[in-house]
């Protein structure tokens, strides 16, 4: 019974602590601010000499 209670208590503490860690963005004065949006990383695609998409490491492939 004690093991079950300890497990439930530890899971409850982890779940309740998560929102406070979610947005750690602060300004220079130490006040919490909205975090800047992170730009999605655009994948680099390459085309071969014949105009078809190819891996960027192949000879003759150029980034589009």
PDB file of N, CA and C in Angstrom:
ATOM      1  N   UNK A   1       0.826  -1.187   0.000  1.00  0.00           N
ATOM      2  CA  UNK A   1       0.000   0.000   0.000  1.00  0.00           C
ATOM      3  C   UNK A   1       0.877   1.260   0.000  1.00  0.00           C
ATOM      4  N   UNK A   2       1.964   1.231   0.757  1.00  0.00           N
ATOM      5  CA  UNK A   2       2.846   2.392   0.821  1.00  0.00           C
ATOM      6  C   UNK A   2       3.542   2.631  -0.518  1.00  0.00           C
ATOM      7  N   UNK A   3       3.924   1.560  -1.205  1.00  0.00           N
ATOM      8  CA  UNK A   3       4.587   1.702  -2.497  1.00  0.00           C
ATOM      9  C   UNK A   3       3.645   2.334  -3.525  1.00  0.00           C
ATOM     10  N   UNK A   4       2.401   1.909  -3.520  1.00  0.00           N
ATOM     11  CA  UNK A   4       1.420   2.468  -4.447  1.00  0.00           C
ATOM     12  C   UNK A   4       1.197   3.945  -4.138  1.00  0.00           C
ATOM     13  N   UNK A   5       1.068   4.295  -2.869  1.00  0.00           N
ATOM     14  CA  UNK A   5       0.850   5.680  -2.467  1.00  0.00           C
ATOM     15  C   UNK A   5       2.054   6.536  -2.863  1.00  0.00           C
ATOM     16  N   UNK A   6       3.263   6.030  -2.674  1.00  0.00           N
ATOM     17  CA  UNK A   6       4.455   6.778  -3.032  1.00  0.00           C
ATOM     18  C   UNK A   6       4.537   6.978  -4.551  1.00  0.00           C
ATOM     19  N   UNK A   7       4.168   5.968  -5.309  1.00  0.00           N
ATOM     20  CA  UNK A   7       4.202   6.076  -6.768  1.00  0.00           C
ATOM     21  C   UNK A   7       3.185   7.101  -7.254  1.00  0.00           C
ATOM     22  N   UNK A   8       1.993   7.071  -6.717  1.00  0.00           N
ATOM     23  CA  UNK A   8       0.949   8.023  -7.109  1.00  0.00           C
ATOM     24  C   UNK A   8       1.357   9.441  -6.718  1.00  0.00           C
ATOM     25  N   UNK A   9       1.954   9.595  -5.564  1.00  0.00           N
ATOM     26  CA  UNK A   9       2.388  10.913  -5.104  1.00  0.00           C
ATOM     27  C   UNK A   9       3.503  11.468  -5.993  1.00  0.00           C
ATOM     28  N   UNK A  10       4.460  10.638  -6.366  1.00  0.00           N
ATOM     29  CA  UNK A  10       5.555  11.109  -7.206  1.00  0.00           C
ATOM     30  C   UNK A  10       5.066  11.473  -8.606  1.00  0.00           C
ATOM     31  N   UNK A  11       4.150  10.707  -9.169  1.00  0.00           N
ATOM     32  CA  UNK A  11       3.594  11.031 -10.485  1.00  0.00           C
ATOM     33  C   UNK A  11       2.792  12.332 -10.392  1.00  0.00           C
ATOM     34  N   UNK A  12       2.062  12.520  -9.325  1.00  0.00           N
ATOM     35  CA  UNK A  12       1.300  13.748  -9.139  1.00  0.00           C
ATOM     36  C   UNK A  12       2.191  14.971  -9.034  1.00  0.00           C
ATOM     37  N   UNK A  13       3.322  14.836  -8.359  1.00  0.00           N
ATOM     38  CA  UNK A  13       4.254  15.953  -8.252  1.00  0.00           C
ATOM     39  C   UNK A  13       4.891  16.289  -9.596  1.00  0.00           C
ATOM     40  N   UNK A  14       5.206  15.280 -10.393  1.00  0.00           N
ATOM     41  CA  UNK A  14       5.775  15.523 -11.708  1.00  0.00           C
ATOM     42  C   UNK A  14       4.781  16.217 -12.641  1.00  0.00           C
ATOM     43  N   UNK A  15       3.538  15.788 -12.588  1.00  0.00           N
ATOM     44  CA  UNK A  15       2.516  16.377 -13.452  1.00  0.00           C
ATOM     45  C   UNK A  15       2.218  17.813 -13.038  1.00  0.00           C
ATOM     46  N   UNK A  16       2.190  18.086 -11.750  1.00  0.00           N
ATOM     47  CA  UNK A  16       1.868  19.438 -11.303  1.00  0.00           C
ATOM     48  C   UNK A  16       3.022  20.408 -11.522  1.00  0.00           C
ATOM     49  N   UNK A  17       4.257  19.941 -11.617  1.00  0.00           N
ATOM     50  CA  UNK A  17       5.410  20.815 -11.790  1.00  0.00           C
ATOM     51  C   UNK A  17       5.653  21.165 -13.254  1.00  0.00           C
ATOM     52  N   UNK A  18       5.087  20.413 -14.172  1.00  0.00           N
ATOM     53  CA  UNK A  18       5.347  20.615 -15.591  1.00  0.00           C
ATOM     54  C   UNK A  18       4.900  21.980 -16.110  1.00  0.00           C
ATOM     55  N   UNK A  19       3.710  22.517 -15.797  1.00  0.00           N
ATOM     56  CA  UNK A  19       3.320  23.813 -16.351  1.00  0.00           C
ATOM     57  C   UNK A  19       4.219  24.962 -15.910  1.00  0.00           C
ATOM     58  N   UNK A  20       4.793  24.890 -14.745  1.00  0.00           N
ATOM     59  CA  UNK A  20       5.660  25.968 -14.292  1.00  0.00           C
ATOM     60  C   UNK A  20       6.985  25.988 -15.053  1.00  0.00           C
ATOM     61  N   UNK A  21       7.377  24.864 -15.647  1.00  0.00           N
ATOM     62  CA  UNK A  21       8.621  24.770 -16.396  1.00  0.00           C
ATOM     63  C   UNK A  21       8.369  25.035 -17.881  1.00  0.00           C
ATOM     64  N   UNK A  22       7.116  25.055 -18.303  1.00  0.00           N
ATOM     65  CA  UNK A  22       6.781  25.091 -19.722  1.00  0.00           C
ATOM     66  C   UNK A  22       7.281  26.343 -20.434  1.00  0.00           C
ATOM     67  N   UNK A  23       7.161  27.541 -19.835  1.00  0.00           N
ATOM     68  CA  UNK A  23       7.553  28.767 -20.526  1.00  0.00           C
ATOM     69  C   UNK A  23       8.549  29.559 -19.684  1.00  0.00           C
ATOM     70  N   UNK A  24       9.836  29.282 -19.801  1.00  0.00           N
ATOM     71  CA  UNK A  24      10.823  29.969 -18.974  1.00  0.00           C
ATOM     72  C   UNK A  24      11.352  31.260 -19.589  1.00  0.00           C
ATOM     73  N   UNK A  25      10.606  31.903 -20.483  1.00  0.00           N
ATOM     74  CA  UNK A  25      11.095  33.125 -21.133  1.00  0.00           C
ATOM     75  C   UNK A  25      10.950  34.315 -20.197  1.00  0.00           C
ATOM     76  N   UNK A  26      12.065  35.010 -20.003  1.00  0.00           N
ATOM     77  CA  UNK A  26      12.073  36.200 -19.153  1.00  0.00           C
ATOM     78  C   UNK A  26      12.768  37.326 -19.900  1.00  0.00           C
ATOM     79  N   UNK A  27      12.389  38.560 -19.571  1.00  0.00           N
ATOM     80  CA  UNK A  27      13.064  39.703 -20.176  1.00  0.00           C
ATOM     81  C   UNK A  27      14.264  40.100 -19.326  1.00  0.00           C
ATOM     82  N   UNK A  28      14.890  41.228 -19.629  1.00  0.00           N
ATOM     83  CA  UNK A  28      16.104  41.655 -18.928  1.00  0.00           C
ATOM     84  C   UNK A  28      15.852  41.975 -17.461  1.00  0.00           C
ATOM     85  N   UNK A  29      14.627  42.379 -17.127  1.00  0.00           N
ATOM     86  CA  UNK A  29      14.296  42.723 -15.744  1.00  0.00           C
ATOM     87  C   UNK A  29      13.882  41.507 -14.919  1.00  0.00           C
ATOM     88  N   UNK A  30      13.740  40.360 -15.556  1.00  0.00           N
ATOM     89  CA  UNK A  30      13.374  39.144 -14.839  1.00  0.00           C
ATOM     90  C   UNK A  30      11.893  38.846 -14.851  1.00  0.00           C
ATOM     91  N   UNK A  31      11.103  39.626 -15.586  1.00  0.00           N
ATOM     92  CA  UNK A  31       9.658  39.379 -15.656  1.00  0.00           C
ATOM     93  C   UNK A  31       9.382  38.349 -16.745  1.00  0.00           C
ATOM     94  N   UNK A  32       8.349  37.532 -16.513  1.00  0.00           N
ATOM     95  CA  UNK A  32       7.971  36.526 -17.484  1.00  0.00           C
ATOM     96  C   UNK A  32       7.329  37.197 -18.689  1.00  0.00           C
ATOM     97  N   UNK A  33       7.734  36.792 -19.865  1.00  0.00           N
ATOM     98  CA  UNK A  33       7.183  37.312 -21.106  1.00  0.00           C
ATOM     99  C   UNK A  33       6.791  36.155 -22.009  1.00  0.00           C
ATOM    100  N   UNK A  34       6.099  36.486 -23.089  1.00  0.00           N
ATOM    101  CA  UNK A  34       5.732  35.467 -24.057  1.00  0.00           C
ATOM    102  C   UNK A  34       6.970  35.090 -24.863  1.00  0.00           C
ATOM    103  N   UNK A  35       7.217  33.820 -25.034  1.00  0.00           N
ATOM    104  CA  UNK A  35       8.390  33.358 -25.770  1.00  0.00           C
ATOM    105  C   UNK A  35       8.219  33.657 -27.252  1.00  0.00           C
ATOM    106  N   UNK A  36       9.292  34.048 -27.929  1.00  0.00           N
ATOM    107  CA  UNK A  36       9.192  34.309 -29.359  1.00  0.00           C
ATOM    108  C   UNK A  36       8.934  33.003 -30.111  1.00  0.00           C
ATOM    109  N   UNK A  37       8.134  33.060 -31.165  1.00  0.00           N
ATOM    110  CA  UNK A  37       7.861  31.829 -31.915  1.00  0.00           C
ATOM    111  C   UNK A  37       9.109  31.351 -32.636  1.00  0.00           C
ATOM    112  N   UNK A  38       9.310  30.069 -32.599  1.00  0.00           N
ATOM    113  CA  UNK A  38      10.468  29.512 -33.290  1.00  0.00           C
ATOM    114  C   UNK A  38      10.067  29.228 -34.734  1.00  0.00           C
ATOM    115  N   UNK A  39      10.882  29.657 -35.653  1.00  0.00           N
ATOM    116  CA  UNK A  39      10.593  29.476 -37.069  1.00  0.00           C
ATOM    117  C   UNK A  39      10.799  28.015 -37.441  1.00  0.00           C
ATOM    118  N   UNK A  40       9.880  27.450 -38.208  1.00  0.00           N
ATOM    119  CA  UNK A  40      10.069  26.060 -38.626  1.00  0.00           C
ATOM    120  C   UNK A  40      11.254  25.951 -39.578  1.00  0.00           C
ATOM    121  N   UNK A  41      11.992  24.893 -39.427  1.00  0.00           N
ATOM    122  CA  UNK A  41      13.176  24.673 -40.255  1.00  0.00           C
ATOM    123  C   UNK A  41      12.722  24.131 -41.604  1.00  0.00           C
ATOM    124  N   UNK A  42      13.089  24.842 -42.666  1.00  0.00           N
ATOM    125  CA  UNK A  42      12.706  24.423 -44.003  1.00  0.00           C
ATOM    126  C   UNK A  42      13.740  23.437 -44.524  1.00  0.00           C
ATOM    127  N   UNK A  43      13.280  22.327 -45.030  1.00  0.00           N
ATOM    128  CA  UNK A  43      14.177  21.295 -45.535  1.00  0.00           C
ATOM    129  C   UNK A  43      14.802  21.746 -46.849  1.00  0.00           C
ATOM    130  N   UNK A  44      16.068  21.457 -47.020  1.00  0.00           N
ATOM    131  CA  UNK A  44      16.774  21.798 -48.246  1.00  0.00           C
ATOM    132  C   UNK A  44      16.560  20.657 -49.230  1.00  0.00           C
ATOM    133  N   UNK A  45      16.107  21.017 -50.431  1.00  0.00           N
ATOM    134  CA  UNK A  45      15.902  20.014 -51.468  1.00  0.00           C
ATOM    135  C   UNK A  45      16.839  20.323 -52.616  1.00  0.00           C
ATOM    136  N   UNK A  46      17.294  19.286 -53.269  1.00  0.00           N
ATOM    137  CA  UNK A  46      18.233  19.465 -54.376  1.00  0.00           C
ATOM    138  C   UNK A  46      17.667  18.819 -55.633  1.00  0.00           C
ATOM    139  N   UNK A  47      18.015  19.410 -56.778  1.00  0.00           N
ATOM    140  CA  UNK A  47      17.617  18.848 -58.068  1.00  0.00           C
ATOM    141  C   UNK A  47      18.862  18.450 -58.836  1.00  0.00           C
ATOM    142  N   UNK A  48      18.736  17.359 -59.568  1.00  0.00           N
ATOM    143  CA  UNK A  48      19.830  16.872 -60.398  1.00  0.00           C
ATOM    144  C   UNK A  48      19.805  17.617 -61.729  1.00  0.00           C
ATOM    145  N   UNK A  49      20.746  17.311 -62.586  1.00  0.00           N
ATOM    146  CA  UNK A  49      20.868  17.978 -63.882  1.00  0.00           C
ATOM    147  C   UNK A  49      19.663  17.707 -64.777  1.00  0.00           C
ATOM    148  N   UNK A  50      19.004  16.550 -64.608  1.00  0.00           N
ATOM    149  CA  UNK A  50      17.855  16.221 -65.441  1.00  0.00           C
ATOM    150  C   UNK A  50      16.556  16.850 -64.933  1.00  0.00           C
ATOM    151  N   UNK A  51      16.603  17.602 -63.812  1.00  0.00           N
ATOM    152  CA  UNK A  51      15.423  18.295 -63.311  1.00  0.00           C
ATOM    153  C   UNK A  51      14.641  17.538 -62.266  1.00  0.00           C
ATOM    154  N   UNK A  52      15.074  16.330 -61.930  1.00  0.00           N
ATOM    155  CA  UNK A  52      14.377  15.542 -60.911  1.00  0.00           C
ATOM    156  C   UNK A  52      15.029  15.765 -59.561  1.00  0.00           C
ATOM    157  N   UNK A  53      14.257  15.567 -58.499  1.00  0.00           N
ATOM    158  CA  UNK A  53      14.795  15.715 -57.147  1.00  0.00           C
ATOM    159  C   UNK A  53      15.764  14.582 -56.856  1.00  0.00           C
ATOM    160  N   UNK A  54      16.863  14.944 -56.183  1.00  0.00           N
ATOM    161  CA  UNK A  54      17.902  13.977 -55.852  1.00  0.00           C
ATOM    162  C   UNK A  54      18.463  14.312 -54.487  1.00  0.00           C
ATOM    163  N   UNK A  55      19.250  13.398 -53.940  1.00  0.00           N
ATOM    164  CA  UNK A  55      19.922  13.678 -52.668  1.00  0.00           C
ATOM    165  C   UNK A  55      20.940  14.780 -52.885  1.00  0.00           C
ATOM    166  N   UNK A  56      21.118  15.613 -51.886  1.00  0.00           N
ATOM    167  CA  UNK A  56      21.999  16.768 -52.043  1.00  0.00           C
ATOM    168  C   UNK A  56      23.476  16.387 -52.150  1.00  0.00           C
ATOM    169  N   UNK A  57      23.862  15.195 -51.800  1.00  0.00           N
ATOM    170  CA  UNK A  57      25.258  14.795 -51.872  1.00  0.00           C
ATOM    171  C   UNK A  57      25.673  14.236 -53.213  1.00  0.00           C
ATOM    172  N   UNK A  58      24.725  13.986 -54.115  1.00  0.00           N
ATOM    173  CA  UNK A  58      25.077  13.372 -55.393  1.00  0.00           C
ATOM    174  C   UNK A  58      25.749  14.394 -56.311  1.00  0.00           C
ATOM    175  N   UNK A  59      26.610  13.945 -57.221  1.00  0.00           N
ATOM    176  CA  UNK A  59      27.286  14.860 -58.128  1.00  0.00           C
ATOM    177  C   UNK A  59      26.281  15.533 -59.086  1.00  0.00           C
ATOM    178  N   UNK A  60      26.395  16.833 -59.251  1.00  0.00           N
ATOM    179  CA  UNK A  60      25.531  17.577 -60.161  1.00  0.00           C
ATOM    180  C   UNK A  60      24.243  18.070 -59.531  1.00  0.00           C
ATOM    181  N   UNK A  61      23.956  17.699 -58.280  1.00  0.00           N
ATOM    182  CA  UNK A  61      22.731  18.152 -57.617  1.00  0.00           C
ATOM    183  C   UNK A  61      22.952  19.532 -57.038  1.00  0.00           C
ATOM    184  N   UNK A  62      21.949  20.406 -57.249  1.00  0.00           N
ATOM    185  CA  UNK A  62      22.032  21.778 -56.774  1.00  0.00           C
ATOM    186  C   UNK A  62      20.832  22.085 -55.884  1.00  0.00           C
ATOM    187  N   UNK A  63      21.015  22.848 -54.814  1.00  0.00           N
ATOM    188  CA  UNK A  63      19.892  23.203 -53.946  1.00  0.00           C
ATOM    189  C   UNK A  63      18.875  24.069 -54.682  1.00  0.00           C
ATOM    190  N   UNK A  64      17.625  23.840 -54.364  1.00  0.00           N
ATOM    191  CA  UNK A  64      16.535  24.605 -54.989  1.00  0.00           C
ATOM    192  C   UNK A  64      16.129  25.727 -54.055  1.00  0.00           C
TER     193      UNK A  64
END
